[in-house]
PDB file of N, CA and C in Angstrom:
ATOM      1  N   MET A   1      -6.221   4.583 -45.027  1.00  0.00           N
ATOM      2  CA  MET A   1      -5.113   3.970 -44.320  1.00  0.00           C
ATOM      3  C   MET A   1      -4.435   5.025 -43.446  1.00  0.00           C
ATOM      4  N   SER A   2      -4.210   4.673 -42.221  1.00  0.00           N
ATOM      5  CA  SER A   2      -3.542   5.589 -41.293  1.00  0.00           C
ATOM      6  C   SER A   2      -2.116   5.850 -41.760  1.00  0.00           C
ATOM      7  N   ARG A   3      -1.715   7.085 -41.664  1.00  0.00           N
ATOM      8  CA  ARG A   3      -0.343   7.435 -42.029  1.00  0.00           C
ATOM      9  C   ARG A   3       0.530   7.529 -40.792  1.00  0.00           C
ATOM     10  N   ASN A   4      -0.008   7.182 -39.649  1.00  0.00           N
ATOM     11  CA  ASN A   4       0.791   7.268 -38.435  1.00  0.00           C
ATOM     12  C   ASN A   4       0.980   5.892 -37.811  1.00  0.00           C
ATOM     13  N   ARG A   5       1.246   4.913 -38.661  1.00  0.00           N
ATOM     14  CA  ARG A   5       1.478   3.555 -38.171  1.00  0.00           C
ATOM     15  C   ARG A   5       2.839   3.458 -37.489  1.00  0.00           C
ATOM     16  N   ASN A   6       2.971   2.446 -36.666  1.00  0.00           N
ATOM     17  CA  ASN A   6       4.278   2.150 -36.087  1.00  0.00           C
ATOM     18  C   ASN A   6       5.221   1.743 -37.205  1.00  0.00           C
ATOM     19  N   LEU A   7       6.484   1.981 -37.024  1.00  0.00           N
ATOM     20  CA  LEU A   7       7.463   1.698 -38.072  1.00  0.00           C
ATOM     21  C   LEU A   7       7.455   0.239 -38.503  1.00  0.00           C
ATOM     22  N   THR A   8       7.316  -0.682 -37.564  1.00  0.00           N
ATOM     23  CA  THR A   8       7.375  -2.098 -37.923  1.00  0.00           C
ATOM     24  C   THR A   8       6.139  -2.564 -38.681  1.00  0.00           C
ATOM     25  N   GLU A   9       5.139  -1.722 -38.794  1.00  0.00           N
ATOM     26  CA  GLU A   9       3.966  -2.044 -39.608  1.00  0.00           C
ATOM     27  C   GLU A   9       4.197  -1.708 -41.084  1.00  0.00           C
ATOM     28  N   LEU A  10       5.267  -0.989 -41.363  1.00  0.00           N
ATOM     29  CA  LEU A  10       5.572  -0.587 -42.728  1.00  0.00           C
ATOM     30  C   LEU A  10       6.377  -1.655 -43.435  1.00  0.00           C
ATOM     31  N   LYS A  11       6.223  -1.739 -44.754  1.00  0.00           N
ATOM     32  CA  LYS A  11       7.033  -2.672 -45.539  1.00  0.00           C
ATOM     33  C   LYS A  11       8.513  -2.341 -45.339  1.00  0.00           C
ATOM     34  N   ASN A  12       9.332  -3.349 -45.323  1.00  0.00           N
ATOM     35  CA  ASN A  12      10.788  -3.249 -45.278  1.00  0.00           C
ATOM     36  C   ASN A  12      11.369  -2.861 -43.916  1.00  0.00           C
ATOM     37  N   ILE A  13      10.547  -2.547 -42.938  1.00  0.00           N
ATOM     38  CA  ILE A  13      11.043  -2.070 -41.650  1.00  0.00           C
ATOM     39  C   ILE A  13      10.836  -3.150 -40.590  1.00  0.00           C
ATOM     40  N   GLY A  14      11.942  -3.772 -40.210  1.00  0.00           N
ATOM     41  CA  GLY A  14      11.910  -4.762 -39.136  1.00  0.00           C
ATOM     42  C   GLY A  14      12.322  -4.112 -37.827  1.00  0.00           C
ATOM     43  N   ARG A  15      12.475  -4.915 -36.805  1.00  0.00           N
ATOM     44  CA  ARG A  15      12.812  -4.371 -35.480  1.00  0.00           C
ATOM     45  C   ARG A  15      14.163  -3.671 -35.447  1.00  0.00           C
ATOM     46  N   LYS A  16      15.163  -4.239 -36.122  1.00  0.00           N
ATOM     47  CA  LYS A  16      16.494  -3.623 -36.085  1.00  0.00           C
ATOM     48  C   LYS A  16      16.480  -2.243 -36.741  1.00  0.00           C
ATOM     49  N   ILE A  17      15.908  -2.155 -37.922  1.00  0.00           N
ATOM     50  CA  ILE A  17      15.866  -0.859 -38.608  1.00  0.00           C
ATOM     51  C   ILE A  17      14.969   0.111 -37.844  1.00  0.00           C
ATOM     52  N   ALA A  18      13.866  -0.365 -37.304  1.00  0.00           N
ATOM     53  CA  ALA A  18      12.998   0.509 -36.499  1.00  0.00           C
ATOM     54  C   ALA A  18      13.770   1.039 -35.294  1.00  0.00           C
ATOM     55  N   GLY A  19      14.579   0.187 -34.682  1.00  0.00           N
ATOM     56  CA  GLY A  19      15.397   0.620 -33.547  1.00  0.00           C
ATOM     57  C   GLY A  19      16.386   1.707 -33.936  1.00  0.00           C
ATOM     58  N   ARG A  20      16.997   1.547 -35.091  1.00  0.00           N
ATOM     59  CA  ARG A  20      17.927   2.577 -35.574  1.00  0.00           C
ATOM     60  C   ARG A  20      17.180   3.890 -35.827  1.00  0.00           C
ATOM     61  N   LEU A  21      16.006   3.790 -36.411  1.00  0.00           N
ATOM     62  CA  LEU A  21      15.211   5.002 -36.647  1.00  0.00           C
ATOM     63  C   LEU A  21      14.831   5.662 -35.322  1.00  0.00           C
ATOM     64  N   ASN A  22      14.435   4.866 -34.352  1.00  0.00           N
ATOM     65  CA  ASN A  22      14.089   5.403 -33.033  1.00  0.00           C
ATOM     66  C   ASN A  22      15.261   6.159 -32.419  1.00  0.00           C
ATOM     67  N   GLU A  23      16.468   5.639 -32.608  1.00  0.00           N
ATOM     68  CA  GLU A  23      17.659   6.282 -32.047  1.00  0.00           C
ATOM     69  C   GLU A  23      17.890   7.685 -32.594  1.00  0.00           C
ATOM     70  N   VAL A  24      17.359   7.961 -33.795  1.00  0.00           N
ATOM     71  CA  VAL A  24      17.539   9.292 -34.396  1.00  0.00           C
ATOM     72  C   VAL A  24      16.238  10.105 -34.366  1.00  0.00           C
ATOM     73  N   GLY A  25      15.277   9.670 -33.519  1.00  0.00           N
ATOM     74  CA  GLY A  25      14.067  10.456 -33.307  1.00  0.00           C
ATOM     75  C   GLY A  25      12.917  10.184 -34.247  1.00  0.00           C
ATOM     76  N   ILE A  26      12.965   9.081 -34.966  1.00  0.00           N
ATOM     77  CA  ILE A  26      11.883   8.711 -35.882  1.00  0.00           C
ATOM     78  C   ILE A  26      11.157   7.524 -35.263  1.00  0.00           C
ATOM     79  N   PHE A  27       9.890   7.743 -34.917  1.00  0.00           N
ATOM     80  CA  PHE A  27       9.132   6.734 -34.179  1.00  0.00           C
ATOM     81  C   PHE A  27       7.881   6.242 -34.902  1.00  0.00           C
ATOM     82  N   SER A  28       7.476   6.912 -35.966  1.00  0.00           N
ATOM     83  CA  SER A  28       6.228   6.551 -36.638  1.00  0.00           C
ATOM     84  C   SER A  28       6.337   6.829 -38.135  1.00  0.00           C
ATOM     85  N   GLU A  29       5.333   6.378 -38.849  1.00  0.00           N
ATOM     86  CA  GLU A  29       5.266   6.639 -40.289  1.00  0.00           C
ATOM     87  C   GLU A  29       5.275   8.138 -40.568  1.00  0.00           C
ATOM     88  N   ASP A  30       4.529   8.898 -39.780  1.00  0.00           N
ATOM     89  CA  ASP A  30       4.508  10.350 -39.973  1.00  0.00           C
ATOM     90  C   ASP A  30       5.892  10.959 -39.799  1.00  0.00           C
ATOM     91  N   ASP A  31       6.627  10.496 -38.792  1.00  0.00           N
ATOM     92  CA  ASP A  31       7.994  10.989 -38.583  1.00  0.00           C
ATOM     93  C   ASP A  31       8.862  10.687 -39.804  1.00  0.00           C
ATOM     94  N   LEU A  32       8.748   9.467 -40.316  1.00  0.00           N
ATOM     95  CA  LEU A  32       9.549   9.075 -41.478  1.00  0.00           C
ATOM     96  C   LEU A  32       9.162   9.906 -42.696  1.00  0.00           C
ATOM     97  N   ARG A  33       7.883  10.154 -42.885  1.00  0.00           N
ATOM     98  CA  ARG A  33       7.437  10.998 -44.007  1.00  0.00           C
ATOM     99  C   ARG A  33       7.990  12.415 -43.871  1.00  0.00           C
ATOM    100  N   ARG A  34       7.991  12.923 -42.669  1.00  0.00           N
ATOM    101  CA  ARG A  34       8.480  14.293 -42.436  1.00  0.00           C
ATOM    102  C   ARG A  34       9.961  14.412 -42.791  1.00  0.00           C
ATOM    103  N   VAL A  35      10.753  13.420 -42.392  1.00  0.00           N
ATOM    104  CA  VAL A  35      12.201  13.438 -42.609  1.00  0.00           C
ATOM    105  C   VAL A  35      12.553  12.960 -44.020  1.00  0.00           C
ATOM    106  N   GLY A  36      11.793  12.012 -44.525  1.00  0.00           N
ATOM    107  CA  GLY A  36      12.057  11.439 -45.842  1.00  0.00           C
ATOM    108  C   GLY A  36      13.108  10.347 -45.792  1.00  0.00           C
ATOM    109  N   ALA A  37      13.157   9.559 -46.850  1.00  0.00           N
ATOM    110  CA  ALA A  37      14.097   8.441 -46.920  1.00  0.00           C
ATOM    111  C   ALA A  37      15.542   8.922 -46.854  1.00  0.00           C
ATOM    112  N   VAL A  38      15.852   9.961 -47.610  1.00  0.00           N
ATOM    113  CA  VAL A  38      17.226  10.474 -47.637  1.00  0.00           C
ATOM    114  C   VAL A  38      17.602  11.065 -46.279  1.00  0.00           C
ATOM    115  N   GLY A  39      16.700  11.828 -45.687  1.00  0.00           N
ATOM    116  CA  GLY A  39      16.973  12.427 -44.381  1.00  0.00           C
ATOM    117  C   GLY A  39      17.187  11.379 -43.307  1.00  0.00           C
ATOM    118  N   ALA A  40      16.366  10.331 -43.318  1.00  0.00           N
ATOM    119  CA  ALA A  40      16.519   9.259 -42.337  1.00  0.00           C
ATOM    120  C   ALA A  40      17.854   8.552 -42.520  1.00  0.00           C
ATOM    121  N   HIS A  41      18.224   8.291 -43.760  1.00  0.00           N
ATOM    122  CA  HIS A  41      19.515   7.654 -44.046  1.00  0.00           C
ATOM    123  C   HIS A  41      20.651   8.529 -43.527  1.00  0.00           C
ATOM    124  N   ARG A  42      20.571   9.826 -43.784  1.00  0.00           N
ATOM    125  CA  ARG A  42      21.621  10.752 -43.316  1.00  0.00           C
ATOM    126  C   ARG A  42      21.728  10.772 -41.791  1.00  0.00           C
ATOM    127  N   LEU A  43      20.592  10.795 -41.115  1.00  0.00           N
ATOM    128  CA  LEU A  43      20.607  10.825 -39.652  1.00  0.00           C
ATOM    129  C   LEU A  43      21.285   9.583 -39.080  1.00  0.00           C
ATOM    130  N   ILE A  44      20.972   8.435 -39.648  1.00  0.00           N
ATOM    131  CA  ILE A  44      21.585   7.194 -39.160  1.00  0.00           C
ATOM    132  C   ILE A  44      23.078   7.181 -39.500  1.00  0.00           C
ATOM    133  N   LYS A  45      23.426   7.650 -40.680  1.00  0.00           N
ATOM    134  CA  LYS A  45      24.838   7.707 -41.082  1.00  0.00           C
ATOM    135  C   LYS A  45      25.626   8.626 -40.141  1.00  0.00           C
ATOM    136  N   GLU A  46      25.017   9.739 -39.748  1.00  0.00           N
ATOM    137  CA  GLU A  46      25.676  10.654 -38.806  1.00  0.00           C
ATOM    138  C   GLU A  46      25.855  10.004 -37.444  1.00  0.00           C
ATOM    139  N   ARG A  47      24.881   9.226 -37.024  1.00  0.00           N
ATOM    140  CA  ARG A  47      24.965   8.574 -35.714  1.00  0.00           C
ATOM    141  C   ARG A  47      25.992   7.445 -35.710  1.00  0.00           C
ATOM    142  N   TYR A  48      26.176   6.797 -36.844  1.00  0.00           N
ATOM    143  CA  TYR A  48      27.109   5.677 -36.982  1.00  0.00           C
ATOM    144  C   TYR A  48      28.099   5.975 -38.112  1.00  0.00           C
ATOM    145  N   PRO A  49      28.950   6.962 -37.959  1.00  0.00           N
ATOM    146  CA  PRO A  49      29.821   7.394 -39.062  1.00  0.00           C
ATOM    147  C   PRO A  49      30.810   6.335 -39.548  1.00  0.00           C
ATOM    148  N   GLY A  50      31.198   5.426 -38.707  1.00  0.00           N
ATOM    149  CA  GLY A  50      32.165   4.411 -39.107  1.00  0.00           C
ATOM    150  C   GLY A  50      31.540   3.166 -39.702  1.00  0.00           C
ATOM    151  N   GLU A  51      30.236   3.110 -39.755  1.00  0.00           N
ATOM    152  CA  GLU A  51      29.540   1.912 -40.218  1.00  0.00           C
ATOM    153  C   GLU A  51      29.071   2.093 -41.655  1.00  0.00           C
ATOM    154  N   THR A  52      29.257   1.062 -42.454  1.00  0.00           N
ATOM    155  CA  THR A  52      28.739   1.083 -43.817  1.00  0.00           C
ATOM    156  C   THR A  52      27.271   0.705 -43.761  1.00  0.00           C
ATOM    157  N   LEU A  53      26.428   1.572 -44.307  1.00  0.00           N
ATOM    158  CA  LEU A  53      24.988   1.307 -44.325  1.00  0.00           C
ATOM    159  C   LEU A  53      24.593   0.818 -45.714  1.00  0.00           C
ATOM    160  N   PRO A  54      24.243  -0.460 -45.845  1.00  0.00           N
ATOM    161  CA  PRO A  54      23.820  -0.951 -47.163  1.00  0.00           C
ATOM    162  C   PRO A  54      22.591  -0.174 -47.635  1.00  0.00           C
ATOM    163  N   VAL A  55      22.674   0.417 -48.826  1.00  0.00           N
ATOM    164  CA  VAL A  55      21.569   1.256 -49.276  1.00  0.00           C
ATOM    165  C   VAL A  55      20.264   0.475 -49.394  1.00  0.00           C
ATOM    166  N   CYS A  56      20.340  -0.814 -49.720  1.00  0.00           N
ATOM    167  CA  CYS A  56      19.088  -1.562 -49.853  1.00  0.00           C
ATOM    168  C   CYS A  56      18.418  -1.774 -48.499  1.00  0.00           C
ATOM    169  N   TYR A  57      19.198  -1.825 -47.439  1.00  0.00           N
ATOM    170  CA  TYR A  57      18.617  -2.026 -46.116  1.00  0.00           C
ATOM    171  C   TYR A  57      18.137  -0.732 -45.483  1.00  0.00           C
ATOM    172  N   TYR A  58      18.621   0.361 -45.918  1.00  0.00           N
ATOM    173  CA  TYR A  58      18.252   1.631 -45.306  1.00  0.00           C
ATOM    174  C   TYR A  58      17.573   2.555 -46.308  1.00  0.00           C
ATOM    175  N   LEU A  59      18.311   3.150 -47.185  1.00  0.00           N
ATOM    176  CA  LEU A  59      17.760   4.140 -48.107  1.00  0.00           C
ATOM    177  C   LEU A  59      16.586   3.584 -48.911  1.00  0.00           C
ATOM    178  N   TYR A  60      16.785   2.458 -49.572  1.00  0.00           N
ATOM    179  CA  TYR A  60      15.709   1.886 -50.384  1.00  0.00           C
ATOM    180  C   TYR A  60      14.572   1.375 -49.504  1.00  0.00           C
ATOM    181  N   ALA A  61      14.920   0.820 -48.360  1.00  0.00           N
ATOM    182  CA  ALA A  61      13.883   0.327 -47.453  1.00  0.00           C
ATOM    183  C   ALA A  61      12.987   1.460 -46.985  1.00  0.00           C
ATOM    184  N   PHE A  62      13.580   2.607 -46.670  1.00  0.00           N
ATOM    185  CA  PHE A  62      12.779   3.745 -46.217  1.00  0.00           C
ATOM    186  C   PHE A  62      11.877   4.252 -47.334  1.00  0.00           C
ATOM    187  N   GLU A  63      12.426   4.375 -48.532  1.00  0.00           N
ATOM    188  CA  GLU A  63      11.625   4.834 -49.667  1.00  0.00           C
ATOM    189  C   GLU A  63      10.492   3.846 -49.945  1.00  0.00           C
ATOM    190  N   GLY A  64      10.822   2.563 -49.945  1.00  0.00           N
ATOM    191  CA  GLY A  64       9.794   1.548 -50.159  1.00  0.00           C
ATOM    192  C   GLY A  64       8.721   1.585 -49.085  1.00  0.00           C
ATOM    193  N   ALA A  65       9.127   1.812 -47.846  1.00  0.00           N
ATOM    194  CA  ALA A  65       8.156   1.902 -46.749  1.00  0.00           C
ATOM    195  C   ALA A  65       7.188   3.054 -46.988  1.00  0.00           C
ATOM    196  N   LEU A  66       7.710   4.174 -47.455  1.00  0.00           N
ATOM    197  CA  LEU A  66       6.860   5.342 -47.702  1.00  0.00           C
ATOM    198  C   LEU A  66       5.936   5.134 -48.903  1.00  0.00           C
ATOM    199  N   LEU A  67       6.350   4.269 -49.833  1.00  0.00           N
ATOM    200  CA  LEU A  67       5.540   3.978 -51.022  1.00  0.00           C
ATOM    201  C   LEU A  67       4.703   2.717 -50.863  1.00  0.00           C
ATOM    202  N   ASP A  68       4.848   2.040 -49.721  1.00  0.00           N
ATOM    203  CA  ASP A  68       4.174   0.771 -49.458  1.00  0.00           C
ATOM    204  C   ASP A  68       4.547  -0.287 -50.502  1.00  0.00           C
ATOM    205  N   ARG A  69       5.858  -0.365 -50.785  1.00  0.00           N
ATOM    206  CA  ARG A  69       6.398  -1.327 -51.745  1.00  0.00           C
ATOM    207  C   ARG A  69       7.635  -1.994 -51.161  1.00  0.00           C
ATOM    208  N   HIS A  70       7.913  -3.185 -51.651  1.00  0.00           N
ATOM    209  CA  HIS A  70       9.184  -3.827 -51.319  1.00  0.00           C
ATOM    210  C   HIS A  70      10.285  -2.934 -51.843  1.00  0.00           C
ATOM    211  N   TRP A  71      11.412  -2.879 -51.146  1.00  0.00           N
ATOM    212  CA  TRP A  71      12.493  -1.967 -51.534  1.00  0.00           C
ATOM    213  C   TRP A  71      12.980  -2.195 -52.955  1.00  0.00           C
ATOM    214  N   ASP A  72      12.903  -3.422 -53.444  1.00  0.00           N
ATOM    215  CA  ASP A  72      13.406  -3.705 -54.782  1.00  0.00           C
ATOM    216  C   ASP A  72      12.420  -3.306 -55.874  1.00  0.00           C
ATOM    217  N   ALA A  73      11.223  -2.917 -55.485  1.00  0.00           N
ATOM    218  CA  ALA A  73      10.183  -2.562 -56.464  1.00  0.00           C
ATOM    219  C   ALA A  73      10.033  -1.052 -56.647  1.00  0.00           C
ATOM    220  N   ILE A  74      10.994  -0.283 -56.146  1.00  0.00           N
ATOM    221  CA  ILE A  74      10.865   1.171 -56.295  1.00  0.00           C
ATOM    222  C   ILE A  74      11.407   1.669 -57.632  1.00  0.00           C
ATOM    223  N   GLY A  75      12.055   0.808 -58.385  1.00  0.00           N
ATOM    224  CA  GLY A  75      12.517   1.157 -59.721  1.00  0.00           C
ATOM    225  C   GLY A  75      13.944   1.690 -59.734  1.00  0.00           C
ATOM    226  N   GLU A  76      14.650   1.337 -60.782  1.00  0.00           N
ATOM    227  CA  GLU A  76      16.062   1.725 -60.897  1.00  0.00           C
ATOM    228  C   GLU A  76      16.236   3.234 -61.012  1.00  0.00           C
ATOM    229  N   GLU A  77      15.335   3.906 -61.715  1.00  0.00           N
ATOM    230  CA  GLU A  77      15.455   5.360 -61.854  1.00  0.00           C
ATOM    231  C   GLU A  77      15.368   6.045 -60.491  1.00  0.00           C
ATOM    232  N   ARG A  78      14.398   5.618 -59.683  1.00  0.00           N
ATOM    233  CA  ARG A  78      14.244   6.215 -58.350  1.00  0.00           C
ATOM    234  C   ARG A  78      15.440   5.878 -57.462  1.00  0.00           C
ATOM    235  N   LYS A  79      15.946   4.658 -57.547  1.00  0.00           N
ATOM    236  CA  LYS A  79      17.114   4.273 -56.762  1.00  0.00           C
ATOM    237  C   LYS A  79      18.307   5.162 -57.115  1.00  0.00           C
ATOM    238  N   THR A  80      18.479   5.424 -58.400  1.00  0.00           N
ATOM    239  CA  THR A  80      19.571   6.279 -58.851  1.00  0.00           C
ATOM    240  C   THR A  80      19.404   7.699 -58.285  1.00  0.00           C
ATOM    241  N   GLN A  81      18.191   8.202 -58.330  1.00  0.00           N
ATOM    242  CA  GLN A  81      17.908   9.542 -57.781  1.00  0.00           C
ATOM    243  C   GLN A  81      18.230   9.598 -56.293  1.00  0.00           C
ATOM    244  N   LEU A  82      17.834   8.572 -55.562  1.00  0.00           N
ATOM    245  CA  LEU A  82      18.083   8.533 -54.120  1.00  0.00           C
ATOM    246  C   LEU A  82      19.569   8.475 -53.815  1.00  0.00           C
ATOM    247  N   ARG A  83      20.291   7.615 -54.526  1.00  0.00           N
ATOM    248  CA  ARG A  83      21.742   7.490 -54.297  1.00  0.00           C
ATOM    249  C   ARG A  83      22.442   8.814 -54.565  1.00  0.00           C
ATOM    250  N   ALA A  84      22.004   9.527 -55.576  1.00  0.00           N
ATOM    251  CA  ALA A  84      22.615  10.827 -55.905  1.00  0.00           C
ATOM    252  C   ALA A  84      22.417  11.845 -54.776  1.00  0.00           C
ATOM    253  N   ARG A  85      21.332  11.723 -54.046  1.00  0.00           N
ATOM    254  CA  ARG A  85      21.030  12.678 -52.969  1.00  0.00           C
ATOM    255  C   ARG A  85      21.779  12.390 -51.678  1.00  0.00           C
ATOM    256  N   ILE A  86      22.354  11.201 -51.534  1.00  0.00           N
ATOM    257  CA  ILE A  86      23.086  10.910 -50.281  1.00  0.00           C
ATOM    258  C   ILE A  86      24.575  11.134 -50.430  1.00  0.00           C
ATOM    259  N   ARG A  87      25.031  11.472 -51.582  1.00  0.00           N
ATOM    260  CA  ARG A  87      26.471  11.704 -51.797  1.00  0.00           C
ATOM    261  C   ARG A  87      26.872  13.073 -51.357  1.00  0.00           C
TER     262      ARG A  87
END
């Protein structure tokens, strides 16, 4: 499986989230892997400091995309680990 797919080919990533990722310089699966779920969430948070980013739509979605899983299937332990890293 190619690791350099377009963002919208990944699970959990629709056009809106792909657009947000593009705005912070993430254009492909490889870019997202390089930055990681937490890094991508931070970049978007920095770009939109006044906006609340639902973790399930961003942080969990990015992690799920990298694992090829629905965001809700990444497990509670991993979700807890991710949330701890964005604080």
